[in-house]
PDB file of N, CA and C in Angstrom:
ATOM      1  N   UNK A   1      -3.410   7.448   5.442  1.00  0.00           N
ATOM      2  CA  UNK A   1      -3.095   6.496   4.387  1.00  0.00           C
ATOM      3  C   UNK A   1      -3.697   6.954   3.053  1.00  0.00           C
ATOM      4  N   UNK A   2      -4.949   7.385   3.073  1.00  0.00           N
ATOM      5  CA  UNK A   2      -5.601   7.849   1.846  1.00  0.00           C
ATOM      6  C   UNK A   2      -4.891   9.083   1.317  1.00  0.00           C
ATOM      7  N   UNK A   3      -4.479   9.977   2.233  1.00  0.00           N
ATOM      8  CA  UNK A   3      -3.758  11.176   1.814  1.00  0.00           C
ATOM      9  C   UNK A   3      -2.474  10.798   1.087  1.00  0.00           C
ATOM     10  N   UNK A   4      -1.750   9.843   1.660  1.00  0.00           N
ATOM     11  CA  UNK A   4      -0.494   9.420   1.046  1.00  0.00           C
ATOM     12  C   UNK A   4      -0.728   8.866  -0.353  1.00  0.00           C
ATOM     13  N   UNK A   5      -1.740   8.033  -0.496  1.00  0.00           N
ATOM     14  CA  UNK A   5      -2.043   7.441  -1.801  1.00  0.00           C
ATOM     15  C   UNK A   5      -2.412   8.508  -2.823  1.00  0.00           C
ATOM     16  N   UNK A   6      -3.215   9.476  -2.392  1.00  0.00           N
ATOM     17  CA  UNK A   6      -3.611  10.556  -3.303  1.00  0.00           C
ATOM     18  C   UNK A   6      -2.412  11.409  -3.708  1.00  0.00           C
ATOM     19  N   UNK A   7      -1.543  11.700  -2.755  1.00  0.00           N
ATOM     20  CA  UNK A   7      -0.356  12.494  -3.080  1.00  0.00           C
ATOM     21  C   UNK A   7       0.551  11.751  -4.047  1.00  0.00           C
ATOM     22  N   UNK A   8       0.736  10.470  -3.817  1.00  0.00           N
ATOM     23  CA  UNK A   8       1.579   9.675  -4.726  1.00  0.00           C
ATOM     24  C   UNK A   8       0.944   9.605  -6.112  1.00  0.00           C
ATOM     25  N   UNK A   9      -0.363   9.453  -6.162  1.00  0.00           N
ATOM     26  CA  UNK A   9      -1.063   9.438  -7.446  1.00  0.00           C
ATOM     27  C   UNK A   9      -0.861  10.764  -8.181  1.00  0.00           C
ATOM     28  N   UNK A  10      -0.971  11.864  -7.449  1.00  0.00           N
ATOM     29  CA  UNK A  10      -0.790  13.190  -8.063  1.00  0.00           C
ATOM     30  C   UNK A  10       0.634  13.365  -8.570  1.00  0.00           C
ATOM     31  N   UNK A  11       1.600  12.949  -7.768  1.00  0.00           N
ATOM     32  CA  UNK A  11       3.002  13.059  -8.180  1.00  0.00           C
ATOM     33  C   UNK A  11       3.261  12.191  -9.412  1.00  0.00           C
ATOM     34  N   UNK A  12       2.729  10.989  -9.424  1.00  0.00           N
ATOM     35  CA  UNK A  12       2.889  10.112 -10.593  1.00  0.00           C
ATOM     36  C   UNK A  12       2.278  10.742 -11.839  1.00  0.00           C
ATOM     37  N   UNK A  13       1.113  11.337 -11.688  1.00  0.00           N
ATOM     38  CA  UNK A  13       0.466  11.980 -12.833  1.00  0.00           C
ATOM     39  C   UNK A  13       1.285  13.176 -13.322  1.00  0.00           C
ATOM     40  N   UNK A  14       1.769  13.984 -12.388  1.00  0.00           N
ATOM     41  CA  UNK A  14       2.596  15.124 -12.783  1.00  0.00           C
ATOM     42  C   UNK A  14       3.864  14.656 -13.478  1.00  0.00           C
ATOM     43  N   UNK A  15       4.478  13.635 -12.948  1.00  0.00           N
ATOM     44  CA  UNK A  15       5.714  13.124 -13.536  1.00  0.00           C
ATOM     45  C   UNK A  15       5.467  12.526 -14.922  1.00  0.00           C
ATOM     46  N   UNK A  16       4.394  11.779 -15.062  1.00  0.00           N
ATOM     47  CA  UNK A  16       4.122  11.100 -16.322  1.00  0.00           C
ATOM     48  C   UNK A  16       3.460  11.961 -17.386  1.00  0.00           C
ATOM     49  N   UNK A  17       2.544  12.833 -16.936  1.00  0.00           N
ATOM     50  CA  UNK A  17       1.726  13.587 -17.883  1.00  0.00           C
ATOM     51  C   UNK A  17       1.898  15.100 -17.793  1.00  0.00           C
ATOM     52  N   UNK A  18       2.656  15.559 -16.802  1.00  0.00           N
ATOM     53  CA  UNK A  18       2.785  16.996 -16.512  1.00  0.00           C
ATOM     54  C   UNK A  18       1.419  17.620 -16.237  1.00  0.00           C
ATOM     55  N   UNK A  19       0.557  16.841 -15.605  1.00  0.00           N
ATOM     56  CA  UNK A  19      -0.822  17.259 -15.393  1.00  0.00           C
ATOM     57  C   UNK A  19      -1.446  16.378 -14.317  1.00  0.00           C
ATOM     58  N   UNK A  20      -2.250  16.964 -13.429  1.00  0.00           N
ATOM     59  CA  UNK A  20      -3.034  16.177 -12.475  1.00  0.00           C
ATOM     60  C   UNK A  20      -4.449  16.069 -13.029  1.00  0.00           C
ATOM     61  N   UNK A  21      -4.942  14.860 -13.142  1.00  0.00           N
ATOM     62  CA  UNK A  21      -6.281  14.655 -13.699  1.00  0.00           C
ATOM     63  C   UNK A  21      -7.341  15.315 -12.825  1.00  0.00           C
ATOM     64  N   UNK A  22      -8.472  15.624 -13.436  1.00  0.00           N
ATOM     65  CA  UNK A  22      -9.584  16.223 -12.697  1.00  0.00           C
ATOM     66  C   UNK A  22     -10.034  15.325 -11.545  1.00  0.00           C
ATOM     67  N   UNK A  23     -10.053  14.038 -11.788  1.00  0.00           N
ATOM     68  CA  UNK A  23     -10.485  13.084 -10.759  1.00  0.00           C
ATOM     69  C   UNK A  23      -9.570  13.162  -9.536  1.00  0.00           C
ATOM     70  N   UNK A  24      -8.272  13.127  -9.773  1.00  0.00           N
ATOM     71  CA  UNK A  24      -7.321  13.194  -8.665  1.00  0.00           C
ATOM     72  C   UNK A  24      -7.373  14.559  -7.998  1.00  0.00           C
ATOM     73  N   UNK A  25      -7.420  15.613  -8.802  1.00  0.00           N
ATOM     74  CA  UNK A  25      -7.472  16.975  -8.251  1.00  0.00           C
ATOM     75  C   UNK A  25      -8.698  17.151  -7.344  1.00  0.00           C
ATOM     76  N   UNK A  26      -9.848  16.671  -7.788  1.00  0.00           N
ATOM     77  CA  UNK A  26     -11.068  16.810  -7.003  1.00  0.00           C
ATOM     78  C   UNK A  26     -10.994  16.046  -5.679  1.00  0.00           C
ATOM     79  N   UNK A  27     -10.362  14.884  -5.706  1.00  0.00           N
ATOM     80  CA  UNK A  27     -10.177  14.125  -4.463  1.00  0.00           C
ATOM     81  C   UNK A  27      -9.237  14.872  -3.519  1.00  0.00           C
ATOM     82  N   UNK A  28      -8.155  15.406  -4.069  1.00  0.00           N
ATOM     83  CA  UNK A  28      -7.216  16.179  -3.255  1.00  0.00           C
ATOM     84  C   UNK A  28      -7.878  17.427  -2.682  1.00  0.00           C
ATOM     85  N   UNK A  29      -8.749  18.051  -3.470  1.00  0.00           N
ATOM     86  CA  UNK A  29      -9.411  19.295  -3.057  1.00  0.00           C
ATOM     87  C   UNK A  29     -10.346  19.089  -1.869  1.00  0.00           C
ATOM     88  N   UNK A  30     -10.742  17.861  -1.613  1.00  0.00           N
ATOM     89  CA  UNK A  30     -11.564  17.567  -0.443  1.00  0.00           C
ATOM     90  C   UNK A  30     -10.730  17.567   0.841  1.00  0.00           C
ATOM     91  N   UNK A  31      -9.415  17.439   0.672  1.00  0.00           N
ATOM     92  CA  UNK A  31      -8.506  17.347   1.818  1.00  0.00           C
ATOM     93  C   UNK A  31      -7.658  18.600   1.982  1.00  0.00           C
ATOM     94  N   UNK A  32      -7.221  19.166   0.853  1.00  0.00           N
ATOM     95  CA  UNK A  32      -6.288  20.291   0.868  1.00  0.00           C
ATOM     96  C   UNK A  32      -6.947  21.550   0.314  1.00  0.00           C
ATOM     97  N   UNK A  33      -6.502  22.705   0.801  1.00  0.00           N
ATOM     98  CA  UNK A  33      -7.021  23.963   0.269  1.00  0.00           C
ATOM     99  C   UNK A  33      -6.261  24.351  -1.009  1.00  0.00           C
ATOM    100  N   UNK A  34      -6.701  25.411  -1.662  1.00  0.00           N
ATOM    101  CA  UNK A  34      -6.110  25.822  -2.940  1.00  0.00           C
ATOM    102  C   UNK A  34      -4.603  26.090  -2.819  1.00  0.00           C
ATOM    103  N   UNK A  35      -4.204  26.773  -1.752  1.00  0.00           N
ATOM    104  CA  UNK A  35      -2.786  27.084  -1.571  1.00  0.00           C
ATOM    105  C   UNK A  35      -1.947  25.815  -1.449  1.00  0.00           C
ATOM    106  N   UNK A  36      -2.452  24.835  -0.727  1.00  0.00           N
ATOM    107  CA  UNK A  36      -1.730  23.571  -0.581  1.00  0.00           C
ATOM    108  C   UNK A  36      -1.642  22.811  -1.904  1.00  0.00           C
ATOM    109  N   UNK A  37      -2.704  22.863  -2.697  1.00  0.00           N
ATOM    110  CA  UNK A  37      -2.681  22.195  -3.996  1.00  0.00           C
ATOM    111  C   UNK A  37      -1.668  22.845  -4.938  1.00  0.00           C
ATOM    112  N   UNK A  38      -1.622  24.160  -4.901  1.00  0.00           N
ATOM    113  CA  UNK A  38      -0.640  24.870  -5.727  1.00  0.00           C
ATOM    114  C   UNK A  38       0.776  24.542  -5.250  1.00  0.00           C
ATOM    115  N   UNK A  39       0.961  24.488  -3.917  1.00  0.00           N
ATOM    116  CA  UNK A  39       2.268  24.104  -3.364  1.00  0.00           C
ATOM    117  C   UNK A  39       2.684  22.714  -3.833  1.00  0.00           C
ATOM    118  N   UNK A  40       1.733  21.802  -3.909  1.00  0.00           N
ATOM    119  CA  UNK A  40       2.031  20.446  -4.385  1.00  0.00           C
ATOM    120  C   UNK A  40       2.593  20.487  -5.802  1.00  0.00           C
ATOM    121  N   UNK A  41       1.924  21.208  -6.685  1.00  0.00           N
ATOM    122  CA  UNK A  41       2.365  21.290  -8.080  1.00  0.00           C
ATOM    123  C   UNK A  41       3.760  21.914  -8.167  1.00  0.00           C
ATOM    124  N   UNK A  42       3.973  23.005  -7.441  1.00  0.00           N
ATOM    125  CA  UNK A  42       5.271  23.674  -7.508  1.00  0.00           C
ATOM    126  C   UNK A  42       6.383  22.862  -6.844  1.00  0.00           C
ATOM    127  N   UNK A  43       6.062  22.142  -5.794  1.00  0.00           N
ATOM    128  CA  UNK A  43       7.076  21.306  -5.136  1.00  0.00           C
ATOM    129  C   UNK A  43       7.533  20.192  -6.061  1.00  0.00           C
ATOM    130  N   UNK A  44       6.592  19.512  -6.690  1.00  0.00           N
ATOM    131  CA  UNK A  44       6.950  18.440  -7.631  1.00  0.00           C
ATOM    132  C   UNK A  44       7.734  19.018  -8.804  1.00  0.00           C
ATOM    133  N   UNK A  45       7.287  20.151  -9.310  1.00  0.00           N
ATOM    134  CA  UNK A  45       7.988  20.790 -10.426  1.00  0.00           C
ATOM    135  C   UNK A  45       9.397  21.204 -10.052  1.00  0.00           C
ATOM    136  N   UNK A  46       9.583  21.726  -8.836  1.00  0.00           N
ATOM    137  CA  UNK A  46      10.912  22.151  -8.392  1.00  0.00           C
ATOM    138  C   UNK A  46      11.864  20.963  -8.285  1.00  0.00           C
ATOM    139  N   UNK A  47      11.401  19.860  -7.714  1.00  0.00           N
ATOM    140  CA  UNK A  47      12.244  18.666  -7.631  1.00  0.00           C
ATOM    141  C   UNK A  47      12.617  18.174  -9.022  1.00  0.00           C
ATOM    142  N   UNK A  48      11.670  18.227  -9.947  1.00  0.00           N
ATOM    143  CA  UNK A  48      11.945  17.810 -11.320  1.00  0.00           C
ATOM    144  C   UNK A  48      12.995  18.718 -11.959  1.00  0.00           C
ATOM    145  N   UNK A  49      12.843  20.015 -11.778  1.00  0.00           N
ATOM    146  CA  UNK A  49      13.791  20.988 -12.321  1.00  0.00           C
ATOM    147  C   UNK A  49      15.194  20.752 -11.767  1.00  0.00           C
ATOM    148  N   UNK A  50      15.297  20.600 -10.459  1.00  0.00           N
ATOM    149  CA  UNK A  50      16.610  20.403  -9.832  1.00  0.00           C
ATOM    150  C   UNK A  50      17.246  19.099 -10.315  1.00  0.00           C
ATOM    151  N   UNK A  51      16.466  18.040 -10.401  1.00  0.00           N
ATOM    152  CA  UNK A  51      17.041  16.763 -10.842  1.00  0.00           C
ATOM    153  C   UNK A  51      17.510  16.834 -12.291  1.00  0.00           C
ATOM    154  N   UNK A  52      16.758  17.523 -13.152  1.00  0.00           N
ATOM    155  CA  UNK A  52      17.191  17.685 -14.546  1.00  0.00           C
ATOM    156  C   UNK A  52      18.494  18.472 -14.628  1.00  0.00           C
ATOM    157  N   UNK A  53      18.571  19.552 -13.866  1.00  0.00           N
ATOM    158  CA  UNK A  53      19.777  20.379 -13.898  1.00  0.00           C
ATOM    159  C   UNK A  53      20.980  19.601 -13.378  1.00  0.00           C
ATOM    160  N   UNK A  54      20.832  18.943 -12.239  1.00  0.00           N
ATOM    161  CA  UNK A  54      21.958  18.195 -11.665  1.00  0.00           C
ATOM    162  C   UNK A  54      22.408  17.068 -12.581  1.00  0.00           C
ATOM    163  N   UNK A  55      21.462  16.356 -13.159  1.00  0.00           N
ATOM    164  CA  UNK A  55      21.821  15.261 -14.066  1.00  0.00           C
ATOM    165  C   UNK A  55      22.482  15.781 -15.335  1.00  0.00           C
ATOM    166  N   UNK A  56      21.940  16.845 -15.912  1.00  0.00           N
ATOM    167  CA  UNK A  56      22.490  17.405 -17.145  1.00  0.00           C
ATOM    168  C   UNK A  56      23.892  17.969 -16.929  1.00  0.00           C
ATOM    169  N   UNK A  57      24.093  18.618 -15.792  1.00  0.00           N
ATOM    170  CA  UNK A  57      25.387  19.218 -15.495  1.00  0.00           C
ATOM    171  C   UNK A  57      26.390  18.213 -14.952  1.00  0.00           C
ATOM    172  N   UNK A  58      25.939  16.983 -14.727  1.00  0.00           N
ATOM    173  CA  UNK A  58      26.844  15.929 -14.268  1.00  0.00           C
ATOM    174  C   UNK A  58      27.345  16.127 -12.850  1.00  0.00           C
ATOM    175  N   UNK A  59      26.549  16.777 -12.020  1.00  0.00           N
ATOM    176  CA  UNK A  59      26.954  17.013 -10.633  1.00  0.00           C
ATOM    177  C   UNK A  59      27.048  15.665  -9.917  1.00  0.00           C
ATOM    178  N   UNK A  60      28.185  15.450  -9.273  1.00  0.00           N
ATOM    179  CA  UNK A  60      28.442  14.202  -8.557  1.00  0.00           C
ATOM    180  C   UNK A  60      28.225  14.402  -7.062  1.00  0.00           C
ATOM    181  N   UNK A  61      27.949  13.312  -6.371  1.00  0.00           N
ATOM    182  CA  UNK A  61      27.829  13.368  -4.922  1.00  0.00           C
ATOM    183  C   UNK A  61      29.179  13.693  -4.306  1.00  0.00           C
ATOM    184  N   UNK A  62      29.158  14.377  -3.196  1.00  0.00           N
ATOM    185  CA  UNK A  62      30.392  14.631  -2.470  1.00  0.00           C
ATOM    186  C   UNK A  62      30.973  13.313  -1.990  1.00  0.00           C
ATOM    187  N   UNK A  63      32.277  13.270  -1.844  1.00  0.00           N
ATOM    188  CA  UNK A  63      32.953  12.063  -1.376  1.00  0.00           C
ATOM    189  C   UNK A  63      32.394  11.661  -0.013  1.00  0.00           C
ATOM    190  N   UNK A  64      32.092  10.382   0.111  1.00  0.00           N
ATOM    191  CA  UNK A  64      31.571   9.859   1.370  1.00  0.00           C
ATOM    192  C   UNK A  64      30.061   9.912   1.500  1.00  0.00           C
ATOM    193  N   UNK A  65      29.389  10.574   0.563  1.00  0.00           N
ATOM    194  CA  UNK A  65      27.930  10.634   0.609  1.00  0.00           C
ATOM    195  C   UNK A  65      27.381   9.438  -0.166  1.00  0.00           C
ATOM    196  N   UNK A  66      26.601   8.588   0.511  1.00  0.00           N
ATOM    197  CA  UNK A  66      26.079   7.396  -0.176  1.00  0.00           C
ATOM    198  C   UNK A  66      25.000   7.757  -1.184  1.00  0.00           C
ATOM    199  N   UNK A  67      24.949   6.997  -2.255  1.00  0.00           N
ATOM    200  CA  UNK A  67      23.911   7.199  -3.259  1.00  0.00           C
ATOM    201  C   UNK A  67      22.729   6.291  -3.004  1.00  0.00           C
ATOM    202  N   UNK A  68      21.787   6.320  -3.916  1.00  0.00           N
ATOM    203  CA  UNK A  68      20.577   5.516  -3.778  1.00  0.00           C
ATOM    204  C   UNK A  68      20.616   4.250  -4.627  1.00  0.00           C
ATOM    205  N   UNK A  69      21.714   4.021  -5.326  1.00  0.00           N
ATOM    206  CA  UNK A  69      21.753   2.900  -6.265  1.00  0.00           C
ATOM    207  C   UNK A  69      21.398   1.580  -5.598  1.00  0.00           C
ATOM    208  N   UNK A  70      22.024   1.283  -4.473  1.00  0.00           N
ATOM    209  CA  UNK A  70      21.761   0.008  -3.807  1.00  0.00           C
ATOM    210  C   UNK A  70      20.339  -0.059  -3.272  1.00  0.00           C
ATOM    211  N   UNK A  71      19.865   1.014  -2.689  1.00  0.00           N
ATOM    212  CA  UNK A  71      18.500   1.038  -2.177  1.00  0.00           C
ATOM    213  C   UNK A  71      17.503   0.879  -3.310  1.00  0.00           C
ATOM    214  N   UNK A  72      17.760   1.549  -4.432  1.00  0.00           N
ATOM    215  CA  UNK A  72      16.871   1.472  -5.577  1.00  0.00           C
ATOM    216  C   UNK A  72      16.844   0.056  -6.143  1.00  0.00           C
ATOM    217  N   UNK A  73      18.023  -0.547  -6.292  1.00  0.00           N
ATOM    218  CA  UNK A  73      18.105  -1.907  -6.823  1.00  0.00           C
ATOM    219  C   UNK A  73      17.385  -2.884  -5.907  1.00  0.00           C
ATOM    220  N   UNK A  74      17.568  -2.734  -4.604  1.00  0.00           N
ATOM    221  CA  UNK A  74      16.893  -3.621  -3.662  1.00  0.00           C
ATOM    222  C   UNK A  74      15.384  -3.441  -3.750  1.00  0.00           C
ATOM    223  N   UNK A  75      14.952  -2.211  -3.892  1.00  0.00           N
ATOM    224  CA  UNK A  75      13.517  -1.921  -3.979  1.00  0.00           C
ATOM    225  C   UNK A  75      12.919  -2.554  -5.230  1.00  0.00           C
ATOM    226  N   UNK A  76      13.601  -2.412  -6.355  1.00  0.00           N
ATOM    227  CA  UNK A  76      13.102  -2.995  -7.601  1.00  0.00           C
ATOM    228  C   UNK A  76      13.049  -4.518  -7.490  1.00  0.00           C
ATOM    229  N   UNK A  77      14.087  -5.112  -6.925  1.00  0.00           N
ATOM    230  CA  UNK A  77      14.086  -6.567  -6.754  1.00  0.00           C
ATOM    231  C   UNK A  77      12.926  -7.015  -5.888  1.00  0.00           C
ATOM    232  N   UNK A  78      12.642  -6.273  -4.823  1.00  0.00           N
ATOM    233  CA  UNK A  78      11.510  -6.618  -3.968  1.00  0.00           C
ATOM    234  C   UNK A  78      10.201  -6.497  -4.730  1.00  0.00           C
ATOM    235  N   UNK A  79      10.065  -5.441  -5.531  1.00  0.00           N
ATOM    236  CA  UNK A  79       8.837  -5.256  -6.298  1.00  0.00           C
ATOM    237  C   UNK A  79       8.679  -6.361  -7.333  1.00  0.00           C
ATOM    238  N   UNK A  80       9.769  -6.700  -8.012  1.00  0.00           N
ATOM    239  CA  UNK A  80       9.699  -7.763  -9.013  1.00  0.00           C
ATOM    240  C   UNK A  80       9.360  -9.092  -8.362  1.00  0.00           C
ATOM    241  N   UNK A  81       9.966  -9.343  -7.217  1.00  0.00           N
ATOM    242  CA  UNK A  81       9.690 -10.601  -6.506  1.00  0.00           C
ATOM    243  C   UNK A  81       8.233 -10.643  -6.077  1.00  0.00           C
ATOM    244  N   UNK A  82       7.737  -9.556  -5.518  1.00  0.00           N
ATOM    245  CA  UNK A  82       6.368  -9.580  -5.036  1.00  0.00           C
ATOM    246  C   UNK A  82       5.374  -9.718  -6.194  1.00  0.00           C
ATOM    247  N   UNK A  83       5.692  -9.141  -7.343  1.00  0.00           N
ATOM    248  CA  UNK A  83       4.812  -9.285  -8.505  1.00  0.00           C
ATOM    249  C   UNK A  83       4.849 -10.719  -9.048  1.00  0.00           C
ATOM    250  N   UNK A  84       6.052 -11.274  -9.155  1.00  0.00           N
ATOM    251  CA  UNK A  84       6.176 -12.609  -9.712  1.00  0.00           C
ATOM    252  C   UNK A  84       5.647 -13.652  -8.740  1.00  0.00           C
ATOM    253  N   UNK A  85       5.726 -13.368  -7.453  1.00  0.00           N
ATOM    254  CA  UNK A  85       5.229 -14.314  -6.465  1.00  0.00           C
ATOM    255  C   UNK A  85       3.706 -14.379  -6.466  1.00  0.00           C
ATOM    256  N   UNK A  86       3.077 -13.321  -6.981  1.00  0.00           N
ATOM    257  CA  UNK A  86       1.620 -13.282  -7.007  1.00  0.00           C
ATOM    258  C   UNK A  86       1.046 -14.078  -8.179  1.00  0.00           C
ATOM    259  N   UNK A  87       1.866 -14.294  -9.185  1.00  0.00           N
ATOM    260  CA  UNK A  87       1.327 -14.993 -10.366  1.00  0.00           C
ATOM    261  C   UNK A  87       1.581 -16.472 -10.300  1.00  0.00           C
TER     262      UNK A  87
END
């Protein structure tokens, strides 16, 4: 569970800041070796690169392949509901 949280934190930082903070990096370094940490950075960067290229080039899903729109909308609604239900 802690590993998952740290990985998500690192991915969020890379996505938002193009950088993993020293605090997050040091926590990850207690669990992962240098090669794994470098793989993390390159994996996130590769997904970002591919998504930018596909979106820019207007690549569409093949016929019959479901998209994430409905899943994403449902997820956001659940998050909004859970946040508003807490207040």
